[in-house]
Amino acid sequence: MQESLLEKLRTRVVEQLPVISTQRRFFVIAATLDKRGRIIAIGENYRKTHPLMDHYSNLLHIPHKQYLHAEVSALISSNNIQPHSIVVVRVDKKGGVCLAKPCPICERAIADFKVAKTYYSTDEGKLALL
């Protein structure tokens, strides 16, 4: 299941590469899942700030990290459905999967949202459990 989800998220990013390749070096996408592994919501990195990111960046004394991260975006988009797990994937301009370990701010948000499992992509193109 994990590898098919990784490929599904990578494919979603690759479809958008013509648009994003001129704007960024890589693209991060996160998906929240229920206990059965079904996708609840998908979030992406945004260049805009968000009050929740502002809260966590100030709480952890990392004020330069206020733009909305994919993990927090996916958590917010879960619309009051409790996520069981979250998967974070980073894709480079060529469509390759890269390391996407959540930052301390996202780790804190994931813990506060009581997400049981956090998976992230590795440079080897696999998913690892945080």
C-alpha atoms as a PDB file:
ATOM      1  CA  MET A   1       0.000   0.000   0.000  1.00  0.00           C
ATOM      2  CA  GLN A   2       2.739   2.473   0.957  1.00  0.00           C
ATOM      3  CA  GLU A   3       4.643   2.227  -2.302  1.00  0.00           C
ATOM      4  CA  SER A   4       1.485   2.591  -4.410  1.00  0.00           C
ATOM      5  CA  LEU A   5       0.544   5.686  -2.409  1.00  0.00           C
ATOM      6  CA  LEU A   6       4.045   7.099  -2.902  1.00  0.00           C
ATOM      7  CA  GLU A   7       3.713   6.564  -6.660  1.00  0.00           C
ATOM      8  CA  LYS A   8       0.212   8.075  -6.675  1.00  0.00           C
ATOM      9  CA  LEU A   9       1.448  11.250  -4.976  1.00  0.00           C
ATOM     10  CA  ARG A  10       4.562  11.416  -7.179  1.00  0.00           C
ATOM     11  CA  THR A  11       2.388  11.105 -10.290  1.00  0.00           C
ATOM     12  CA  ARG A  12       0.146  13.915  -9.053  1.00  0.00           C
ATOM     13  CA  VAL A  13       3.202  16.174  -8.766  1.00  0.00           C
ATOM     14  CA  VAL A  14       4.692  15.090 -12.111  1.00  0.00           C
ATOM     15  CA  GLU A  15       1.450  16.093 -13.835  1.00  0.00           C
ATOM     16  CA  GLN A  16       1.983  19.626 -12.504  1.00  0.00           C
ATOM     17  CA  LEU A  17       5.721  19.820 -13.314  1.00  0.00           C
ATOM     18  CA  PRO A  18       5.394  22.034 -16.403  1.00  0.00           C
ATOM     19  CA  VAL A  19       3.801  24.688 -14.192  1.00  0.00           C
ATOM     20  CA  ILE A  20       5.953  24.332 -11.084  1.00  0.00           C
ATOM     21  CA  SER A  21       9.346  23.632 -12.675  1.00  0.00           C
ATOM     22  CA  THR A  22       9.918  27.297 -13.441  1.00  0.00           C
ATOM     23  CA  GLN A  23       8.959  28.344  -9.914  1.00  0.00           C
ATOM     24  CA  ARG A  24      10.665  25.844  -7.597  1.00  0.00           C
ATOM     25  CA  ARG A  25      13.550  23.394  -7.337  1.00  0.00           C
ATOM     26  CA  PHE A  26      11.276  20.750  -5.797  1.00  0.00           C
ATOM     27  CA  PHE A  27       7.662  20.228  -4.814  1.00  0.00           C
ATOM     28  CA  VAL A  28       6.339  18.853  -1.510  1.00  0.00           C
ATOM     29  CA  ILE A  29       2.948  17.195  -1.176  1.00  0.00           C
ATOM     30  CA  ALA A  30       1.369  15.603   1.901  1.00  0.00           C
ATOM     31  CA  ALA A  31      -1.675  13.383   2.278  1.00  0.00           C
ATOM     32  CA  THR A  32      -3.615  12.569   5.433  1.00  0.00           C
ATOM     33  CA  LEU A  33      -5.062   9.056   5.596  1.00  0.00           C
ATOM     34  CA  ASP A  34      -7.732   7.319   7.636  1.00  0.00           C
ATOM     35  CA  LYS A  35      -7.147   3.950   9.367  1.00  0.00           C
ATOM     36  CA  ARG A  36      -7.957   2.069   6.160  1.00  0.00           C
ATOM     37  CA  GLY A  37      -5.351   4.028   4.192  1.00  0.00           C
ATOM     38  CA  ARG A  38      -7.847   6.124   2.250  1.00  0.00           C
ATOM     39  CA  ILE A  39      -6.816   9.682   1.465  1.00  0.00           C
ATOM     40  CA  ILE A  40      -8.698  12.277   3.515  1.00  0.00           C
ATOM     41  CA  ALA A  41      -6.933  15.395   2.242  1.00  0.00           C
ATOM     42  CA  ILE A  42      -3.913  16.511   0.258  1.00  0.00           C
ATOM     43  CA  GLY A  43      -1.817  19.567   1.035  1.00  0.00           C
ATOM     44  CA  GLU A  44       0.970  21.357  -0.796  1.00  0.00           C
ATOM     45  CA  ASN A  45       3.592  23.916   0.158  1.00  0.00           C
ATOM     46  CA  TYR A  46       2.391  27.486  -0.319  1.00  0.00           C
ATOM     47  CA  ARG A  47       4.361  30.703  -0.367  1.00  0.00           C
ATOM     48  CA  LYS A  48       1.649  32.386   1.705  1.00  0.00           C
ATOM     49  CA  THR A  49       1.613  32.471   5.478  1.00  0.00           C
ATOM     50  CA  HIS A  50      -1.085  30.910   7.620  1.00  0.00           C
ATOM     51  CA  PRO A  51      -2.093  31.669  11.238  1.00  0.00           C
ATOM     52  CA  LEU A  52      -1.451  28.067  12.317  1.00  0.00           C
ATOM     53  CA  MET A  53       2.058  28.113  10.831  1.00  0.00           C
ATOM     54  CA  ASP A  54       2.633  31.471  12.505  1.00  0.00           C
ATOM     55  CA  HIS A  55       1.559  29.947  15.835  1.00  0.00           C
ATOM     56  CA  TYR A  56       3.917  26.957  15.541  1.00  0.00           C
ATOM     57  CA  SER A  57       6.865  28.956  14.202  1.00  0.00           C
ATOM     58  CA  ASN A  58       6.600  31.380  17.134  1.00  0.00           C
ATOM     59  CA  LEU A  59       6.061  28.537  19.612  1.00  0.00           C
ATOM     60  CA  LEU A  60       9.250  26.825  18.433  1.00  0.00           C
ATOM     61  CA  HIS A  61      11.160  30.115  17.930  1.00  0.00           C
ATOM     62  CA  ILE A  62      11.614  29.590  14.187  1.00  0.00           C
ATOM     63  CA  PRO A  63      10.005  32.782  12.812  1.00  0.00           C
ATOM     64  CA  HIS A  64      11.367  32.411   9.266  1.00  0.00           C
ATOM     65  CA  LYS A  65       9.253  29.255   8.690  1.00  0.00           C
ATOM     66  CA  GLN A  66       5.825  30.906   8.537  1.00  0.00           C
ATOM     67  CA  TYR A  67       4.800  29.916   5.025  1.00  0.00           C
ATOM     68  CA  LEU A  68       2.296  27.083   4.861  1.00  0.00           C
ATOM     69  CA  HIS A  69       3.956  23.661   4.705  1.00  0.00           C
ATOM     70  CA  ALA A  70       2.328  20.710   2.928  1.00  0.00           C
ATOM     71  CA  GLU A  71       1.918  18.739   6.156  1.00  0.00           C
ATOM     72  CA  VAL A  72       0.019  21.501   7.956  1.00  0.00           C
ATOM     73  CA  SER A  73      -1.997  22.241   4.824  1.00  0.00           C
ATOM     74  CA  ALA A  74      -3.121  18.594   4.668  1.00  0.00           C
ATOM     75  CA  LEU A  75      -3.986  18.578   8.378  1.00  0.00           C
ATOM     76  CA  ILE A  76      -6.060  21.755   8.022  1.00  0.00           C
ATOM     77  CA  SER A  77      -7.800  20.351   4.935  1.00  0.00           C
ATOM     78  CA  SER A  78      -8.836  17.172   6.785  1.00  0.00           C
ATOM     79  CA  ASN A  79     -12.043  19.008   7.784  1.00  0.00           C
ATOM     80  CA  ASN A  80     -12.474  17.636  11.300  1.00  0.00           C
ATOM     81  CA  ILE A  81     -11.829  14.027  10.213  1.00  0.00           C
ATOM     82  CA  GLN A  82      -9.148  12.574  12.501  1.00  0.00           C
ATOM     83  CA  PRO A  83      -6.200  11.447  10.351  1.00  0.00           C
ATOM     84  CA  HIS A  84      -4.582   8.164  11.343  1.00  0.00           C
ATOM     85  CA  SER A  85      -1.429   8.782   9.322  1.00  0.00           C
ATOM     86  CA  ILE A  86       0.239  11.330   7.076  1.00  0.00           C
ATOM     87  CA  VAL A  87       2.506  10.769   4.076  1.00  0.00           C
ATOM     88  CA  VAL A  88       4.945  13.464   2.939  1.00  0.00           C
ATOM     89  CA  VAL A  89       6.617  13.263  -0.481  1.00  0.00           C
ATOM     90  CA  ARG A  90       9.145  15.573  -2.147  1.00  0.00           C
ATOM     91  CA  VAL A  91       9.592  15.463  -5.916  1.00  0.00           C
ATOM     92  CA  ASP A  92      12.337  17.251  -7.853  1.00  0.00           C
ATOM     93  CA  LYS A  93      11.969  18.987 -11.241  1.00  0.00           C
ATOM     94  CA  LYS A  94      12.789  15.764 -13.078  1.00  0.00           C
ATOM     95  CA  GLY A  95      10.085  13.779 -11.275  1.00  0.00           C
ATOM     96  CA  GLY A  96      12.456  11.965  -8.924  1.00  0.00           C
ATOM     97  CA  VAL A  97      11.493  11.301  -5.313  1.00  0.00           C
ATOM     98  CA  CYS A  98      13.671  13.030  -2.687  1.00  0.00           C
ATOM     99  CA  LEU A  99      13.978  13.154   1.095  1.00  0.00           C
ATOM    100  CA  ALA A 100      10.932  14.831   2.689  1.00  0.00           C
ATOM    101  CA  LYS A 101      11.364  14.413   6.449  1.00  0.00           C
ATOM    102  CA  PRO A 102       9.043  16.855   8.268  1.00  0.00           C
ATOM    103  CA  CYS A 103      10.638  19.884   9.925  1.00  0.00           C
ATOM    104  CA  PRO A 104      10.294  20.466  13.715  1.00  0.00           C
ATOM    105  CA  ILE A 105       7.281  22.745  13.178  1.00  0.00           C
ATOM    106  CA  CYS A 106       5.447  20.117  11.148  1.00  0.00           C
ATOM    107  CA  GLU A 107       6.426  17.365  13.594  1.00  0.00           C
ATOM    108  CA  ARG A 108       4.849  19.408  16.399  1.00  0.00           C
ATOM    109  CA  ALA A 109       1.678  20.083  14.392  1.00  0.00           C
ATOM    110  CA  ILE A 110       1.390  16.391  13.484  1.00  0.00           C
ATOM    111  CA  ALA A 111       1.757  15.443  17.160  1.00  0.00           C
ATOM    112  CA  ASP A 112      -0.787  18.064  18.240  1.00  0.00           C
ATOM    113  CA  PHE A 113      -3.268  16.720  15.682  1.00  0.00           C
ATOM    114  CA  LYS A 114      -2.701  13.267  17.255  1.00  0.00           C
ATOM    115  CA  VAL A 115      -1.674  11.587  14.007  1.00  0.00           C
ATOM    116  CA  ALA A 116      -0.532   8.034  14.822  1.00  0.00           C
ATOM    117  CA  LYS A 117       1.978   7.477  11.989  1.00  0.00           C
ATOM    118  CA  THR A 118       4.108   9.767   9.846  1.00  0.00           C
ATOM    119  CA  TYR A 119       5.673   8.482   6.630  1.00  0.00           C
ATOM    120  CA  TYR A 120       8.088  10.473   4.492  1.00  0.00           C
ATOM    121  CA  SER A 121       9.871   9.854   1.211  1.00  0.00           C
ATOM    122  CA  THR A 122      13.571   9.021   1.173  1.00  0.00           C
ATOM    123  CA  ASP A 123      16.256   9.685  -1.443  1.00  0.00           C
ATOM    124  CA  GLU A 124      15.967   6.009  -2.372  1.00  0.00           C
ATOM    125  CA  GLY A 125      12.369   6.515  -3.539  1.00  0.00           C
ATOM    126  CA  LYS A 126      10.828   4.651  -0.605  1.00  0.00           C
ATOM    127  CA  LEU A 127       8.726   5.635   2.399  1.00  0.00           C
ATOM    128  CA  ALA A 128      10.186   5.665   5.899  1.00  0.00           C
ATOM    129  CA  LEU A 129       8.334   5.825   9.216  1.00  0.00           C
ATOM    130  CA  LEU A 130       9.189   8.776  11.450  1.00  0.00           C
END
